[in-house]
């Protein structure tokens, strides 16, 4: 059962890879953090009905994928690490690897009621 009715995904960003999860689903994907990986990501997100993507600020490694997703029409929410940690605490969940972090960010994205697409 899906907790939220909007298609949402979360991305845990690394220098070379992106771990992606859908909110309310067990579907996950890992792609390279490069142009080809971003194209595959966009296709996968569309195939899964995603409208909104959450991504944690990650030392600048997220900038290109955020730009690419916005150009493709996705709403992108930039979370500060403290926001994601607070949400994990609220859910009494301990994120401890990239796949779990991506799922947590997806849940946080789906639950977000105030969308800040500029990262401020």
PDB file of N, CA and C in Angstrom:
ATOM      1  N   UNK A   1       0.833  -1.173   0.000  1.00  0.00           N
ATOM      2  CA  UNK A   1       0.000   0.000   0.000  1.00  0.00           C
ATOM      3  C   UNK A   1       0.879   1.238   0.000  1.00  0.00           C
ATOM      4  N   UNK A   2       0.571   2.195  -0.828  1.00  0.00           N
ATOM      5  CA  UNK A   2       1.330   3.434  -0.920  1.00  0.00           C
ATOM      6  C   UNK A   2       0.807   4.422   0.110  1.00  0.00           C
ATOM      7  N   UNK A   3       1.739   5.088   0.820  1.00  0.00           N
ATOM      8  CA  UNK A   3       1.353   6.052   1.838  1.00  0.00           C
ATOM      9  C   UNK A   3       0.887   7.368   1.231  1.00  0.00           C
ATOM     10  N   UNK A   4       1.333   7.694   0.052  1.00  0.00           N
ATOM     11  CA  UNK A   4       1.075   8.987  -0.546  1.00  0.00           C
ATOM     12  C   UNK A   4       0.604   8.786  -1.981  1.00  0.00           C
ATOM     13  N   UNK A   5      -0.196   9.731  -2.483  1.00  0.00           N
ATOM     14  CA  UNK A   5      -0.754   9.544  -3.806  1.00  0.00           C
ATOM     15  C   UNK A   5       0.025  10.252  -4.905  1.00  0.00           C
ATOM     16  N   UNK A   6       1.067  10.975  -4.584  1.00  0.00           N
ATOM     17  CA  UNK A   6       1.875  11.627  -5.606  1.00  0.00           C
ATOM     18  C   UNK A   6       3.103  10.760  -5.866  1.00  0.00           C
ATOM     19  N   UNK A   7       3.487  10.632  -7.131  1.00  0.00           N
ATOM     20  CA  UNK A   7       4.671   9.857  -7.466  1.00  0.00           C
ATOM     21  C   UNK A   7       5.911  10.585  -6.981  1.00  0.00           C
ATOM     22  N   UNK A   8       6.602   9.993  -6.026  1.00  0.00           N
ATOM     23  CA  UNK A   8       7.784  10.621  -5.448  1.00  0.00           C
ATOM     24  C   UNK A   8       8.934   9.631  -5.411  1.00  0.00           C
ATOM     25  N   UNK A   9      10.136  10.175  -5.554  1.00  0.00           N
ATOM     26  CA  UNK A   9      11.345   9.368  -5.486  1.00  0.00           C
ATOM     27  C   UNK A   9      12.377  10.122  -4.670  1.00  0.00           C
ATOM     28  N   UNK A  10      13.337   9.378  -4.160  1.00  0.00           N
ATOM     29  CA  UNK A  10      14.443   9.969  -3.418  1.00  0.00           C
ATOM     30  C   UNK A  10      15.755   9.510  -4.010  1.00  0.00           C
ATOM     31  N   UNK A  11      16.741  10.419  -3.993  1.00  0.00           N
ATOM     32  CA  UNK A  11      18.051  10.101  -4.543  1.00  0.00           C
ATOM     33  C   UNK A  11      19.111  10.342  -3.484  1.00  0.00           C
ATOM     34  N   UNK A  12      19.924   9.324  -3.243  1.00  0.00           N
ATOM     35  CA  UNK A  12      21.121   9.471  -2.426  1.00  0.00           C
ATOM     36  C   UNK A  12      22.275   9.643  -3.401  1.00  0.00           C
ATOM     37  N   UNK A  13      22.929  10.790  -3.325  1.00  0.00           N
ATOM     38  CA  UNK A  13      23.933  11.172  -4.321  1.00  0.00           C
ATOM     39  C   UNK A  13      25.339  10.849  -3.858  1.00  0.00           C
ATOM     40  N   UNK A  14      26.089  10.243  -4.743  1.00  0.00           N
ATOM     41  CA  UNK A  14      27.502  10.019  -4.531  1.00  0.00           C
ATOM     42  C   UNK A  14      28.282  10.639  -5.682  1.00  0.00           C
ATOM     43  N   UNK A  15      29.564  10.683  -5.531  1.00  0.00           N
ATOM     44  CA  UNK A  15      30.412  11.265  -6.580  1.00  0.00           C
ATOM     45  C   UNK A  15      30.234  10.526  -7.905  1.00  0.00           C
ATOM     46  N   UNK A  16      30.142   9.197  -7.853  1.00  0.00           N
ATOM     47  CA  UNK A  16      30.084   8.435  -9.099  1.00  0.00           C
ATOM     48  C   UNK A  16      28.763   7.729  -9.338  1.00  0.00           C
ATOM     49  N   UNK A  17      27.912   7.590  -8.315  1.00  0.00           N
ATOM     50  CA  UNK A  17      26.646   6.890  -8.507  1.00  0.00           C
ATOM     51  C   UNK A  17      25.490   7.624  -7.830  1.00  0.00           C
ATOM     52  N   UNK A  18      24.296   7.307  -8.299  1.00  0.00           N
ATOM     53  CA  UNK A  18      23.052   7.788  -7.709  1.00  0.00           C
ATOM     54  C   UNK A  18      22.234   6.566  -7.320  1.00  0.00           C
ATOM     55  N   UNK A  19      21.846   6.478  -6.051  1.00  0.00           N
ATOM     56  CA  UNK A  19      20.946   5.432  -5.595  1.00  0.00           C
ATOM     57  C   UNK A  19      19.567   6.056  -5.503  1.00  0.00           C
ATOM     58  N   UNK A  20      18.587   5.420  -6.138  1.00  0.00           N
ATOM     59  CA  UNK A  20      17.249   5.994  -6.277  1.00  0.00           C
ATOM     60  C   UNK A  20      16.224   5.005  -5.743  1.00  0.00           C
ATOM     61  N   UNK A  21      15.206   5.536  -5.050  1.00  0.00           N
ATOM     62  CA  UNK A  21      14.120   4.700  -4.534  1.00  0.00           C
ATOM     63  C   UNK A  21      12.794   5.414  -4.759  1.00  0.00           C
ATOM     64  N   UNK A  22      11.747   4.624  -4.927  1.00  0.00           N
ATOM     65  CA  UNK A  22      10.398   5.160  -5.038  1.00  0.00           C
ATOM     66  C   UNK A  22       9.758   5.185  -3.664  1.00  0.00           C
ATOM     67  N   UNK A  23       8.949   6.196  -3.394  1.00  0.00           N
ATOM     68  CA  UNK A  23       8.222   6.280  -2.136  1.00  0.00           C
ATOM     69  C   UNK A  23       7.096   5.248  -2.128  1.00  0.00           C
ATOM     70  N   UNK A  24       6.934   4.562  -1.003  1.00  0.00           N
ATOM     71  CA  UNK A  24       5.847   3.613  -0.858  1.00  0.00           C
ATOM     72  C   UNK A  24       5.993   2.365  -1.702  1.00  0.00           C
ATOM     73  N   UNK A  25       7.190   2.066  -2.140  1.00  0.00           N
ATOM     74  CA  UNK A  25       7.439   0.960  -3.054  1.00  0.00           C
ATOM     75  C   UNK A  25       8.828   0.417  -2.732  1.00  0.00           C
ATOM     76  N   UNK A  26       9.096  -0.777  -3.161  1.00  0.00           N
ATOM     77  CA  UNK A  26      10.426  -1.343  -2.941  1.00  0.00           C
ATOM     78  C   UNK A  26      11.325  -1.202  -4.167  1.00  0.00           C
ATOM     79  N   UNK A  27      10.832  -0.546  -5.218  1.00  0.00           N
ATOM     80  CA  UNK A  27      11.620  -0.398  -6.441  1.00  0.00           C
ATOM     81  C   UNK A  27      12.785   0.538  -6.204  1.00  0.00           C
ATOM     82  N   UNK A  28      13.954   0.103  -6.638  1.00  0.00           N
ATOM     83  CA  UNK A  28      15.158   0.910  -6.513  1.00  0.00           C
ATOM     84  C   UNK A  28      15.992   0.782  -7.774  1.00  0.00           C
ATOM     85  N   UNK A  29      16.874   1.758  -7.943  1.00  0.00           N
ATOM     86  CA  UNK A  29      17.727   1.824  -9.119  1.00  0.00           C
ATOM     87  C   UNK A  29      19.053   2.442  -8.719  1.00  0.00           C
ATOM     88  N   UNK A  30      20.118   2.005  -9.346  1.00  0.00           N
ATOM     89  CA  UNK A  30      21.409   2.675  -9.201  1.00  0.00           C
ATOM     90  C   UNK A  30      21.917   2.990 -10.601  1.00  0.00           C
ATOM     91  N   UNK A  31      22.309   4.258 -10.808  1.00  0.00           N
ATOM     92  CA  UNK A  31      22.861   4.683 -12.092  1.00  0.00           C
ATOM     93  C   UNK A  31      24.136   5.465 -11.836  1.00  0.00           C
ATOM     94  N   UNK A  32      24.924   5.577 -12.882  1.00  0.00           N
ATOM     95  CA  UNK A  32      26.119   6.407 -12.790  1.00  0.00           C
ATOM     96  C   UNK A  32      25.713   7.864 -12.706  1.00  0.00           C
ATOM     97  N   UNK A  33      26.486   8.643 -11.979  1.00  0.00           N
ATOM     98  CA  UNK A  33      26.218  10.075 -11.856  1.00  0.00           C
ATOM     99  C   UNK A  33      26.923  10.798 -13.000  1.00  0.00           C
ATOM    100  N   UNK A  34      26.414  10.542 -14.208  1.00  0.00           N
ATOM    101  CA  UNK A  34      26.929  11.180 -15.413  1.00  0.00           C
ATOM    102  C   UNK A  34      25.770  11.356 -16.389  1.00  0.00           C
ATOM    103  N   UNK A  35      26.031  11.923 -17.542  1.00  0.00           N
ATOM    104  CA  UNK A  35      24.962  12.235 -18.498  1.00  0.00           C
ATOM    105  C   UNK A  35      24.164  10.994 -18.900  1.00  0.00           C
ATOM    106  N   UNK A  36      24.835   9.899 -19.181  1.00  0.00           N
ATOM    107  CA  UNK A  36      24.134   8.670 -19.575  1.00  0.00           C
ATOM    108  C   UNK A  36      23.287   8.141 -18.418  1.00  0.00           C
ATOM    109  N   UNK A  37      23.821   8.165 -17.221  1.00  0.00           N
ATOM    110  CA  UNK A  37      23.068   7.733 -16.051  1.00  0.00           C
ATOM    111  C   UNK A  37      21.847   8.597 -15.809  1.00  0.00           C
ATOM    112  N   UNK A  38      22.005   9.904 -16.014  1.00  0.00           N
ATOM    113  CA  UNK A  38      20.882  10.825 -15.829  1.00  0.00           C
ATOM    114  C   UNK A  38      19.772  10.546 -16.834  1.00  0.00           C
ATOM    115  N   UNK A  39      20.135  10.229 -18.068  1.00  0.00           N
ATOM    116  CA  UNK A  39      19.119   9.892 -19.070  1.00  0.00           C
ATOM    117  C   UNK A  39      18.358   8.629 -18.665  1.00  0.00           C
ATOM    118  N   UNK A  40      19.084   7.633 -18.197  1.00  0.00           N
ATOM    119  CA  UNK A  40      18.432   6.408 -17.720  1.00  0.00           C
ATOM    120  C   UNK A  40      17.538   6.677 -16.523  1.00  0.00           C
ATOM    121  N   UNK A  41      17.986   7.543 -15.643  1.00  0.00           N
ATOM    122  CA  UNK A  41      17.203   7.920 -14.470  1.00  0.00           C
ATOM    123  C   UNK A  41      15.895   8.581 -14.877  1.00  0.00           C
ATOM    124  N   UNK A  42      15.958   9.536 -15.784  1.00  0.00           N
ATOM    125  CA  UNK A  42      14.757  10.235 -16.254  1.00  0.00           C
ATOM    126  C   UNK A  42      13.760   9.231 -16.831  1.00  0.00           C
ATOM    127  N   UNK A  43      14.230   8.319 -17.647  1.00  0.00           N
ATOM    128  CA  UNK A  43      13.360   7.310 -18.249  1.00  0.00           C
ATOM    129  C   UNK A  43      12.701   6.451 -17.167  1.00  0.00           C
ATOM    130  N   UNK A  44      13.477   5.997 -16.203  1.00  0.00           N
ATOM    131  CA  UNK A  44      12.960   5.151 -15.122  1.00  0.00           C
ATOM    132  C   UNK A  44      11.936   5.902 -14.284  1.00  0.00           C
ATOM    133  N   UNK A  45      12.230   7.160 -13.965  1.00  0.00           N
ATOM    134  CA  UNK A  45      11.295   7.966 -13.182  1.00  0.00           C
ATOM    135  C   UNK A  45       9.967   8.136 -13.924  1.00  0.00           C
ATOM    136  N   UNK A  46      10.047   8.430 -15.217  1.00  0.00           N
ATOM    137  CA  UNK A  46       8.820   8.583 -16.011  1.00  0.00           C
ATOM    138  C   UNK A  46       8.039   7.277 -16.082  1.00  0.00           C
ATOM    139  N   UNK A  47       8.746   6.177 -16.299  1.00  0.00           N
ATOM    140  CA  UNK A  47       8.086   4.874 -16.369  1.00  0.00           C
ATOM    141  C   UNK A  47       7.348   4.543 -15.074  1.00  0.00           C
ATOM    142  N   UNK A  48       7.811   5.114 -13.957  1.00  0.00           N
ATOM    143  CA  UNK A  48       7.216   4.843 -12.654  1.00  0.00           C
ATOM    144  C   UNK A  48       6.283   5.950 -12.167  1.00  0.00           C
ATOM    145  N   UNK A  49       5.942   6.891 -13.043  1.00  0.00           N
ATOM    146  CA  UNK A  49       4.973   7.921 -12.696  1.00  0.00           C
ATOM    147  C   UNK A  49       5.435   8.940 -11.674  1.00  0.00           C
ATOM    148  N   UNK A  50       6.726   9.144 -11.580  1.00  0.00           N
ATOM    149  CA  UNK A  50       7.262  10.082 -10.595  1.00  0.00           C
ATOM    150  C   UNK A  50       7.087  11.514 -11.086  1.00  0.00           C
ATOM    151  N   UNK A  51       6.617  12.373 -10.192  1.00  0.00           N
ATOM    152  CA  UNK A  51       6.470  13.798 -10.474  1.00  0.00           C
ATOM    153  C   UNK A  51       7.436  14.640  -9.659  1.00  0.00           C
ATOM    154  N   UNK A  52       7.750  14.140  -8.457  1.00  0.00           N
ATOM    155  CA  UNK A  52       8.554  14.911  -7.508  1.00  0.00           C
ATOM    156  C   UNK A  52       9.733  14.069  -7.040  1.00  0.00           C
ATOM    157  N   UNK A  53      10.911  14.692  -7.038  1.00  0.00           N
ATOM    158  CA  UNK A  53      12.140  14.004  -6.663  1.00  0.00           C
ATOM    159  C   UNK A  53      12.806  14.777  -5.533  1.00  0.00           C
ATOM    160  N   UNK A  54      13.179  14.064  -4.497  1.00  0.00           N
ATOM    161  CA  UNK A  54      13.929  14.662  -3.395  1.00  0.00           C
ATOM    162  C   UNK A  54      15.369  14.224  -3.472  1.00  0.00           C
ATOM    163  N   UNK A  55      16.245  15.132  -3.148  1.00  0.00           N
ATOM    164  CA  UNK A  55      17.667  14.831  -3.180  1.00  0.00           C
ATOM    165  C   UNK A  55      18.343  15.591  -2.044  1.00  0.00           C
ATOM    166  N   UNK A  56      19.259  14.933  -1.381  1.00  0.00           N
ATOM    167  CA  UNK A  56      19.961  15.556  -0.269  1.00  0.00           C
ATOM    168  C   UNK A  56      21.188  16.302  -0.802  1.00  0.00           C
ATOM    169  N   UNK A  57      21.359  17.545  -0.357  1.00  0.00           N
ATOM    170  CA  UNK A  57      22.553  18.315  -0.733  1.00  0.00           C
ATOM    171  C   UNK A  57      23.778  17.497  -0.342  1.00  0.00           C
ATOM    172  N   UNK A  58      24.692  17.364  -1.281  1.00  0.00           N
ATOM    173  CA  UNK A  58      25.801  16.430  -1.085  1.00  0.00           C
ATOM    174  C   UNK A  58      27.106  16.997  -1.610  1.00  0.00           C
ATOM    175  N   UNK A  59      27.490  18.145  -1.135  1.00  0.00           N
ATOM    176  CA  UNK A  59      28.779  18.708  -1.504  1.00  0.00           C
ATOM    177  C   UNK A  59      28.922  19.081  -2.965  1.00  0.00           C
ATOM    178  N   UNK A  60      27.812  19.291  -3.646  1.00  0.00           N
ATOM    179  CA  UNK A  60      27.855  19.700  -5.042  1.00  0.00           C
ATOM    180  C   UNK A  60      27.707  18.568  -6.039  1.00  0.00           C
ATOM    181  N   UNK A  61      27.821  17.322  -5.596  1.00  0.00           N
ATOM    182  CA  UNK A  61      27.685  16.189  -6.520  1.00  0.00           C
ATOM    183  C   UNK A  61      26.281  16.081  -7.095  1.00  0.00           C
ATOM    184  N   UNK A  62      25.320  16.751  -6.456  1.00  0.00           N
ATOM    185  CA  UNK A  62      23.925  16.686  -6.890  1.00  0.00           C
ATOM    186  C   UNK A  62      23.567  17.735  -7.928  1.00  0.00           C
ATOM    187  N   UNK A  63      24.402  18.724  -8.128  1.00  0.00           N
ATOM    188  CA  UNK A  63      24.029  19.882  -8.951  1.00  0.00           C
ATOM    189  C   UNK A  63      23.618  19.530 -10.375  1.00  0.00           C
ATOM    190  N   UNK A  64      24.382  18.716 -11.046  1.00  0.00           N
ATOM    191  CA  UNK A  64      24.093  18.405 -12.446  1.00  0.00           C
ATOM    192  C   UNK A  64      22.813  17.601 -12.586  1.00  0.00           C
ATOM    193  N   UNK A  65      22.615  16.604 -11.730  1.00  0.00           N
ATOM    194  CA  UNK A  65      21.399  15.804 -11.846  1.00  0.00           C
ATOM    195  C   UNK A  65      20.172  16.644 -11.489  1.00  0.00           C
ATOM    196  N   UNK A  66      20.288  17.539 -10.527  1.00  0.00           N
ATOM    197  CA  UNK A  66      19.164  18.431 -10.195  1.00  0.00           C
ATOM    198  C   UNK A  66      18.807  19.283 -11.404  1.00  0.00           C
ATOM    199  N   UNK A  67      19.798  19.851 -12.048  1.00  0.00           N
ATOM    200  CA  UNK A  67      19.566  20.674 -13.235  1.00  0.00           C
ATOM    201  C   UNK A  67      18.918  19.852 -14.345  1.00  0.00           C
ATOM    202  N   UNK A  68      19.440  18.654 -14.578  1.00  0.00           N
ATOM    203  CA  UNK A  68      18.891  17.797 -15.631  1.00  0.00           C
ATOM    204  C   UNK A  68      17.440  17.414 -15.350  1.00  0.00           C
ATOM    205  N   UNK A  69      17.140  17.071 -14.107  1.00  0.00           N
ATOM    206  CA  UNK A  69      15.768  16.690 -13.758  1.00  0.00           C
ATOM    207  C   UNK A  69      14.811  17.865 -13.910  1.00  0.00           C
ATOM    208  N   UNK A  70      15.224  19.038 -13.486  1.00  0.00           N
ATOM    209  CA  UNK A  70      14.360  20.217 -13.631  1.00  0.00           C
ATOM    210  C   UNK A  70      14.121  20.550 -15.097  1.00  0.00           C
ATOM    211  N   UNK A  71      15.140  20.404 -15.920  1.00  0.00           N
ATOM    212  CA  UNK A  71      14.968  20.649 -17.358  1.00  0.00           C
ATOM    213  C   UNK A  71      13.962  19.677 -17.965  1.00  0.00           C
ATOM    214  N   UNK A  72      13.853  18.499 -17.388  1.00  0.00           N
ATOM    215  CA  UNK A  72      12.920  17.485 -17.886  1.00  0.00           C
ATOM    216  C   UNK A  72      11.528  17.618 -17.262  1.00  0.00           C
ATOM    217  N   UNK A  73      11.317  18.645 -16.434  1.00  0.00           N
ATOM    218  CA  UNK A  73       9.995  18.934 -15.902  1.00  0.00           C
ATOM    219  C   UNK A  73       9.667  18.342 -14.541  1.00  0.00           C
ATOM    220  N   UNK A  74      10.621  17.728 -13.893  1.00  0.00           N
ATOM    221  CA  UNK A  74      10.377  17.190 -12.559  1.00  0.00           C
ATOM    222  C   UNK A  74      10.467  18.300 -11.520  1.00  0.00           C
ATOM    223  N   UNK A  75       9.652  18.204 -10.489  1.00  0.00           N
ATOM    224  CA  UNK A  75       9.794  19.067  -9.326  1.00  0.00           C
ATOM    225  C   UNK A  75      10.882  18.440  -8.468  1.00  0.00           C
ATOM    226  N   UNK A  76      11.895  19.211  -8.140  1.00  0.00           N
ATOM    227  CA  UNK A  76      13.011  18.694  -7.353  1.00  0.00           C
ATOM    228  C   UNK A  76      13.078  19.446  -6.030  1.00  0.00           C
ATOM    229  N   UNK A  77      13.080  18.696  -4.949  1.00  0.00           N
ATOM    230  CA  UNK A  77      13.203  19.263  -3.614  1.00  0.00           C
ATOM    231  C   UNK A  77      14.613  18.987  -3.116  1.00  0.00           C
ATOM    232  N   UNK A  78      15.313  20.050  -2.780  1.00  0.00           N
ATOM    233  CA  UNK A  78      16.653  19.919  -2.200  1.00  0.00           C
ATOM    234  C   UNK A  78      16.522  19.907  -0.689  1.00  0.00           C
ATOM    235  N   UNK A  79      16.953  18.819  -0.075  1.00  0.00           N
ATOM    236  CA  UNK A  79      16.936  18.706   1.383  1.00  0.00           C
ATOM    237  C   UNK A  79      18.348  18.919   1.923  1.00  0.00           C
ATOM    238  N   UNK A  80      18.424  19.602   3.031  1.00  0.00           N
ATOM    239  CA  UNK A  80      19.684  19.690   3.754  1.00  0.00           C
ATOM    240  C   UNK A  80      19.820  18.409   4.577  1.00  0.00           C
ATOM    241  N   UNK A  81      21.044  17.940   4.807  1.00  0.00           N
ATOM    242  CA  UNK A  81      21.224  16.696   5.572  1.00  0.00           C
ATOM    243  C   UNK A  81      20.499  16.710   6.919  1.00  0.00           C
ATOM    244  N   UNK A  82      20.457  17.851   7.585  1.00  0.00           N
ATOM    245  CA  UNK A  82      19.780  17.917   8.889  1.00  0.00           C
ATOM    246  C   UNK A  82      18.286  17.638   8.760  1.00  0.00           C
ATOM    247  N   UNK A  83      17.677  18.025   7.631  1.00  0.00           N
ATOM    248  CA  UNK A  83      16.255  17.748   7.411  1.00  0.00           C
ATOM    249  C   UNK A  83      16.002  16.255   7.264  1.00  0.00           C
ATOM    250  N   UNK A  84      16.866  15.589   6.515  1.00  0.00           N
ATOM    251  CA  UNK A  84      16.706  14.148   6.306  1.00  0.00           C
ATOM    252  C   UNK A  84      16.934  13.406   7.623  1.00  0.00           C
ATOM    253  N   UNK A  85      17.943  13.814   8.387  1.00  0.00           N
ATOM    254  CA  UNK A  85      18.191  13.181   9.691  1.00  0.00           C
ATOM    255  C   UNK A  85      16.999  13.384  10.628  1.00  0.00           C
ATOM    256  N   UNK A  86      16.412  14.591  10.618  1.00  0.00           N
ATOM    257  CA  UNK A  86      15.253  14.859  11.474  1.00  0.00           C
ATOM    258  C   UNK A  86      14.074  13.975  11.075  1.00  0.00           C
ATOM    259  N   UNK A  87      13.869  13.795   9.779  1.00  0.00           N
ATOM    260  CA  UNK A  87      12.778  12.939   9.312  1.00  0.00           C
ATOM    261  C   UNK A  87      13.032  11.491   9.720  1.00  0.00           C
ATOM    262  N   UNK A  88      14.276  11.051   9.631  1.00  0.00           N
ATOM    263  CA  UNK A  88      14.617   9.690  10.051  1.00  0.00           C
ATOM    264  C   UNK A  88      14.348   9.512  11.543  1.00  0.00           C
ATOM    265  N   UNK A  89      14.680  10.507  12.342  1.00  0.00           N
ATOM    266  CA  UNK A  89      14.419  10.449  13.776  1.00  0.00           C
ATOM    267  C   UNK A  89      12.917  10.378  14.040  1.00  0.00           C
ATOM    268  N   UNK A  90      12.157  11.215  13.333  1.00  0.00           N
ATOM    269  CA  UNK A  90      10.700  11.213  13.461  1.00  0.00           C
ATOM    270  C   UNK A  90      10.126   9.826  13.168  1.00  0.00           C
ATOM    271  N   UNK A  91      10.653   9.170  12.149  1.00  0.00           N
ATOM    272  CA  UNK A  91      10.165   7.839  11.763  1.00  0.00           C
ATOM    273  C   UNK A  91      10.814   6.723  12.560  1.00  0.00           C
ATOM    274  N   UNK A  92      11.698   7.103  13.476  1.00  0.00           N
ATOM    275  CA  UNK A  92      12.456   6.136  14.277  1.00  0.00           C
ATOM    276  C   UNK A  92      13.177   5.140  13.383  1.00  0.00           C
ATOM    277  N   UNK A  93      13.842   5.693  12.391  1.00  0.00           N
ATOM    278  CA  UNK A  93      14.540   4.882  11.399  1.00  0.00           C
ATOM    279  C   UNK A  93      15.997   5.301  11.365  1.00  0.00           C
ATOM    280  N   UNK A  94      16.857   4.333  11.272  1.00  0.00           N
ATOM    281  CA  UNK A  94      18.270   4.607  11.152  1.00  0.00           C
ATOM    282  C   UNK A  94      18.708   4.283   9.731  1.00  0.00           C
ATOM    283  N   UNK A  95      19.090   5.311   9.010  1.00  0.00           N
ATOM    284  CA  UNK A  95      19.613   5.103   7.652  1.00  0.00           C
ATOM    285  C   UNK A  95      21.079   4.729   7.787  1.00  0.00           C
ATOM    286  N   UNK A  96      21.468   3.655   7.112  1.00  0.00           N
ATOM    287  CA  UNK A  96      22.852   3.225   7.282  1.00  0.00           C
ATOM    288  C   UNK A  96      23.534   2.760   6.005  1.00  0.00           C
ATOM    289  N   UNK A  97      22.880   2.908   4.873  1.00  0.00           N
ATOM    290  CA  UNK A  97      23.555   2.661   3.607  1.00  0.00           C
ATOM    291  C   UNK A  97      22.838   3.452   2.514  1.00  0.00           C
ATOM    292  N   UNK A  98      23.434   3.501   1.351  1.00  0.00           N
ATOM    293  CA  UNK A  98      22.909   4.351   0.280  1.00  0.00           C
ATOM    294  C   UNK A  98      21.490   3.964  -0.139  1.00  0.00           C
ATOM    295  N   UNK A  99      21.188   2.690  -0.205  1.00  0.00           N
ATOM    296  CA  UNK A  99      19.845   2.246  -0.615  1.00  0.00           C
ATOM    297  C   UNK A  99      18.799   2.630   0.424  1.00  0.00           C
ATOM    298  N   UNK A 100      19.125   2.456   1.697  1.00  0.00           N
ATOM    299  CA  UNK A 100      18.200   2.839   2.762  1.00  0.00           C
ATOM    300  C   UNK A 100      18.046   4.350   2.800  1.00  0.00           C
ATOM    301  N   UNK A 101      19.146   5.076   2.608  1.00  0.00           N
ATOM    302  CA  UNK A 101      19.075   6.538   2.570  1.00  0.00           C
ATOM    303  C   UNK A 101      18.166   7.009   1.438  1.00  0.00           C
ATOM    304  N   UNK A 102      18.276   6.395   0.270  1.00  0.00           N
ATOM    305  CA  UNK A 102      17.438   6.782  -0.869  1.00  0.00           C
ATOM    306  C   UNK A 102      15.965   6.561  -0.552  1.00  0.00           C
ATOM    307  N   UNK A 103      15.634   5.434   0.078  1.00  0.00           N
ATOM    308  CA  UNK A 103      14.246   5.155   0.448  1.00  0.00           C
ATOM    309  C   UNK A 103      13.745   6.159   1.487  1.00  0.00           C
ATOM    310  N   UNK A 104      14.598   6.533   2.422  1.00  0.00           N
ATOM    311  CA  UNK A 104      14.228   7.531   3.425  1.00  0.00           C
ATOM    312  C   UNK A 104      13.970   8.888   2.768  1.00  0.00           C
ATOM    313  N   UNK A 105      14.826   9.283   1.843  1.00  0.00           N
ATOM    314  CA  UNK A 105      14.647  10.550   1.128  1.00  0.00           C
ATOM    315  C   UNK A 105      13.368  10.508   0.298  1.00  0.00           C
ATOM    316  N   UNK A 106      13.055   9.357  -0.293  1.00  0.00           N
ATOM    317  CA  UNK A 106      11.804   9.213  -1.056  1.00  0.00           C
ATOM    318  C   UNK A 106      10.595   9.414  -0.148  1.00  0.00           C
ATOM    319  N   UNK A 107      10.615   8.809   1.024  1.00  0.00           N
ATOM    320  CA  UNK A 107       9.504   8.963   1.970  1.00  0.00           C
ATOM    321  C   UNK A 107       9.385  10.414   2.423  1.00  0.00           C
ATOM    322  N   UNK A 108      10.513  11.037   2.684  1.00  0.00           N
ATOM    323  CA  UNK A 108      10.536  12.441   3.089  1.00  0.00           C
ATOM    324  C   UNK A 108       9.966  13.322   1.982  1.00  0.00           C
ATOM    325  N   UNK A 109      10.312  13.022   0.753  1.00  0.00           N
ATOM    326  CA  UNK A 109       9.826  13.777  -0.410  1.00  0.00           C
ATOM    327  C   UNK A 109       8.313  13.637  -0.547  1.00  0.00           C
ATOM    328  N   UNK A 110       7.819  12.422  -0.403  1.00  0.00           N
ATOM    329  CA  UNK A 110       6.379  12.185  -0.516  1.00  0.00           C
ATOM    330  C   UNK A 110       5.614  12.897   0.594  1.00  0.00           C
ATOM    331  N   UNK A 111       6.221  12.997   1.765  1.00  0.00           N
ATOM    332  CA  UNK A 111       5.550  13.614   2.909  1.00  0.00           C
ATOM    333  C   UNK A 111       5.674  15.141   2.923  1.00  0.00           C
ATOM    334  N   UNK A 112       6.568  15.678   2.130  1.00  0.00           N
ATOM    335  CA  UNK A 112       6.804  17.127   2.143  1.00  0.00           C
ATOM    336  C   UNK A 112       5.537  17.867   1.724  1.00  0.00           C
ATOM    337  N   UNK A 113       5.123  18.805   2.558  1.00  0.00           N
ATOM    338  CA  UNK A 113       3.942  19.599   2.229  1.00  0.00           C
ATOM    339  C   UNK A 113       4.312  20.974   1.720  1.00  0.00           C
ATOM    340  N   UNK A 114       5.471  21.443   2.098  1.00  0.00           N
ATOM    341  CA  UNK A 114       5.959  22.725   1.602  1.00  0.00           C
ATOM    342  C   UNK A 114       7.133  22.428   0.709  1.00  0.00           C
ATOM    343  N   UNK A 115       6.970  22.712  -0.563  1.00  0.00           N
ATOM    344  CA  UNK A 115       8.003  22.380  -1.526  1.00  0.00           C
ATOM    345  C   UNK A 115       8.898  23.591  -1.742  1.00  0.00           C
ATOM    346  N   UNK A 116      10.183  23.401  -1.481  1.00  0.00           N
ATOM    347  CA  UNK A 116      11.186  24.419  -1.732  1.00  0.00           C
ATOM    348  C   UNK A 116      12.058  23.905  -2.858  1.00  0.00           C
ATOM    349  N   UNK A 117      11.757  24.285  -4.078  1.00  0.00           N
ATOM    350  CA  UNK A 117      12.483  23.756  -5.232  1.00  0.00           C
ATOM    351  C   UNK A 117      13.780  24.494  -5.493  1.00  0.00           C
ATOM    352  N   UNK A 118      14.074  25.539  -4.741  1.00  0.00           N
ATOM    353  CA  UNK A 118      15.312  26.278  -4.961  1.00  0.00           C
ATOM    354  C   UNK A 118      16.411  25.906  -3.989  1.00  0.00           C
ATOM    355  N   UNK A 119      16.137  25.052  -3.034  1.00  0.00           N
ATOM    356  CA  UNK A 119      17.149  24.630  -2.091  1.00  0.00           C
ATOM    357  C   UNK A 119      17.454  25.665  -1.031  1.00  0.00           C
ATOM    358  N   UNK A 120      16.588  26.662  -0.830  1.00  0.00           N
ATOM    359  CA  UNK A 120      16.799  27.686   0.192  1.00  0.00           C
ATOM    360  C   UNK A 120      15.917  27.419   1.373  1.00  0.00           C
TER     361      UNK A 120
END
